[in-house]
Every structure is written in C-alpha cells, then in structure tokens.
Amino acid sequence: MPNYVPSPDEVTAAMTENGGWTREQLAEWGIPHPPPQGWRKHLEAKWRGEDVAELPRQEPDQDALF
C-alpha cells in the first residue's frame, strides 16, 4: 500500500508522450497494471481524503494463458 497519493496535477504531469502511464509509475501509486477503469477518480478521491475501497485487480482469463 503506497503512503504517497499524488495530486490530480501530479497524475497529469506524469503522463507519457503517448498519453499513458508507465507500469512503474502506476505501481508507485498502488495502481495495478493494467489500470482498472476509474483509477484516476479513485486516486483523486484518496487525495481529497475520502475513504475509498481498494481498486479491483483485473485477473487475466485462464483461457488467455494458453
């Protein structure tokens, strides 16, 4: 669990030239890869001090492994 929650401006500033975020950057913020839908709003709510549930981790389908 990360101790640091970035501000919305910091999240925007960390965006790569291609319009995404690196796996390492997401991990620093405690966001799983691939990031689930709504992760930016989740971080913003945490930054504002709201009590939010953990983001769901997307597990690959077993069929995708074969």
C-alpha atoms as a PDB file:
ATOM      1  CA  MET A   1       0.000   0.000   0.000  1.00  0.00           C
ATOM      2  CA  PRO A   2       1.601   3.268  -1.038  1.00  0.00           C
ATOM      3  CA  ASN A   3       1.969   6.011   1.519  1.00  0.00           C
ATOM      4  CA  TYR A   4       2.019   8.742  -1.087  1.00  0.00           C
ATOM      5  CA  VAL A   5      -1.091   9.763  -3.006  1.00  0.00           C
ATOM      6  CA  PRO A   6      -0.393  12.128  -5.918  1.00  0.00           C
ATOM      7  CA  SER A   7      -2.485  15.188  -6.636  1.00  0.00           C
ATOM      8  CA  PRO A   8      -4.545  15.236  -9.837  1.00  0.00           C
ATOM      9  CA  ASP A   9      -1.986  17.666 -11.301  1.00  0.00           C
ATOM     10  CA  GLU A  10       0.854  15.275 -10.495  1.00  0.00           C
ATOM     11  CA  VAL A  11      -1.016  12.416 -12.183  1.00  0.00           C
ATOM     12  CA  THR A  12      -1.475  14.530 -15.305  1.00  0.00           C
ATOM     13  CA  ALA A  13       2.158  15.676 -15.245  1.00  0.00           C
ATOM     14  CA  ALA A  14       3.372  12.053 -15.090  1.00  0.00           C
ATOM     15  CA  MET A  15       1.584  11.153 -18.334  1.00  0.00           C
ATOM     16  CA  THR A  16       3.942   9.923 -21.048  1.00  0.00           C
ATOM     17  CA  GLU A  17       4.122  11.462 -24.515  1.00  0.00           C
ATOM     18  CA  ASN A  18       1.855   8.652 -25.733  1.00  0.00           C
ATOM     19  CA  GLY A  19      -0.867   9.640 -23.264  1.00  0.00           C
ATOM     20  CA  GLY A  20      -0.430   6.818 -20.768  1.00  0.00           C
ATOM     21  CA  TRP A  21       1.482   5.998 -17.618  1.00  0.00           C
ATOM     22  CA  THR A  22       4.323   3.566 -17.102  1.00  0.00           C
ATOM     23  CA  ARG A  23       3.820   0.343 -15.196  1.00  0.00           C
ATOM     24  CA  GLU A  24       6.431   1.559 -12.704  1.00  0.00           C
ATOM     25  CA  GLN A  25       4.638   4.868 -12.126  1.00  0.00           C
ATOM     26  CA  LEU A  26       1.301   3.145 -11.576  1.00  0.00           C
ATOM     27  CA  ALA A  27       2.923   0.709  -9.137  1.00  0.00           C
ATOM     28  CA  GLU A  28       4.392   3.631  -7.178  1.00  0.00           C
ATOM     29  CA  TRP A  29       0.861   4.923  -6.691  1.00  0.00           C
ATOM     30  CA  GLY A  30      -0.510   1.470  -5.842  1.00  0.00           C
ATOM     31  CA  ILE A  31      -2.436   1.100  -9.103  1.00  0.00           C
ATOM     32  CA  PRO A  32      -2.446  -2.392 -10.660  1.00  0.00           C
ATOM     33  CA  HIS A  33      -1.471  -2.946 -14.285  1.00  0.00           C
ATOM     34  CA  PRO A  34      -3.399  -2.820 -16.445  1.00  0.00           C
ATOM     35  CA  PRO A  35      -5.109   0.000 -14.580  1.00  0.00           C
ATOM     36  CA  PRO A  36      -8.814  -0.626 -13.971  1.00  0.00           C
ATOM     37  CA  GLN A  37     -11.435   1.784 -15.205  1.00  0.00           C
ATOM     38  CA  GLY A  38     -11.865   4.742 -12.860  1.00  0.00           C
ATOM     39  CA  TRP A  39      -8.365   4.591 -11.353  1.00  0.00           C
ATOM     40  CA  ARG A  40      -7.759   8.336 -11.780  1.00  0.00           C
ATOM     41  CA  LYS A  41     -11.007   9.229  -9.989  1.00  0.00           C
ATOM     42  CA  HIS A  42     -10.062   6.724  -7.283  1.00  0.00           C
ATOM     43  CA  LEU A  43      -6.684   8.418  -6.742  1.00  0.00           C
ATOM     44  CA  GLU A  44      -8.290  11.853  -6.738  1.00  0.00           C
ATOM     45  CA  ALA A  45     -10.788  10.770  -4.072  1.00  0.00           C
ATOM     46  CA  LYS A  46      -7.953   9.372  -1.937  1.00  0.00           C
ATOM     47  CA  TRP A  47      -6.007  12.605  -2.416  1.00  0.00           C
ATOM     48  CA  ARG A  48      -9.037  14.567  -1.137  1.00  0.00           C
ATOM     49  CA  GLY A  49      -9.046  12.332   1.947  1.00  0.00           C
ATOM     50  CA  GLU A  50     -12.164  10.355   1.110  1.00  0.00           C
ATOM     51  CA  ASP A  51     -12.474   6.815   2.416  1.00  0.00           C
ATOM     52  CA  VAL A  52     -12.370   4.691  -0.723  1.00  0.00           C
ATOM     53  CA  ALA A  53     -12.290   0.939  -1.248  1.00  0.00           C
ATOM     54  CA  GLU A  54      -9.303  -0.689  -2.893  1.00  0.00           C
ATOM     55  CA  LEU A  55      -9.342  -0.914  -6.667  1.00  0.00           C
ATOM     56  CA  PRO A  56     -10.206  -4.322  -8.091  1.00  0.00           C
ATOM     57  CA  ARG A  57      -7.310  -6.150  -9.682  1.00  0.00           C
ATOM     58  CA  GLN A  58      -8.012  -7.448 -13.141  1.00  0.00           C
ATOM     59  CA  GLU A  59      -7.013 -11.072 -13.361  1.00  0.00           C
ATOM     60  CA  PRO A  60      -6.460 -12.493 -16.837  1.00  0.00           C
ATOM     61  CA  ASP A  61      -8.874 -15.137 -18.036  1.00  0.00           C
ATOM     62  CA  GLN A  62      -7.445 -18.598 -17.703  1.00  0.00           C
ATOM     63  CA  ASP A  63      -8.052 -19.120 -21.429  1.00  0.00           C
ATOM     64  CA  ALA A  64      -5.736 -16.191 -22.193  1.00  0.00           C
ATOM     65  CA  LEU A  65      -2.859 -18.066 -20.596  1.00  0.00           C
ATOM     66  CA  PHE A  66      -2.992 -20.907 -23.130  1.00  0.00           C
END
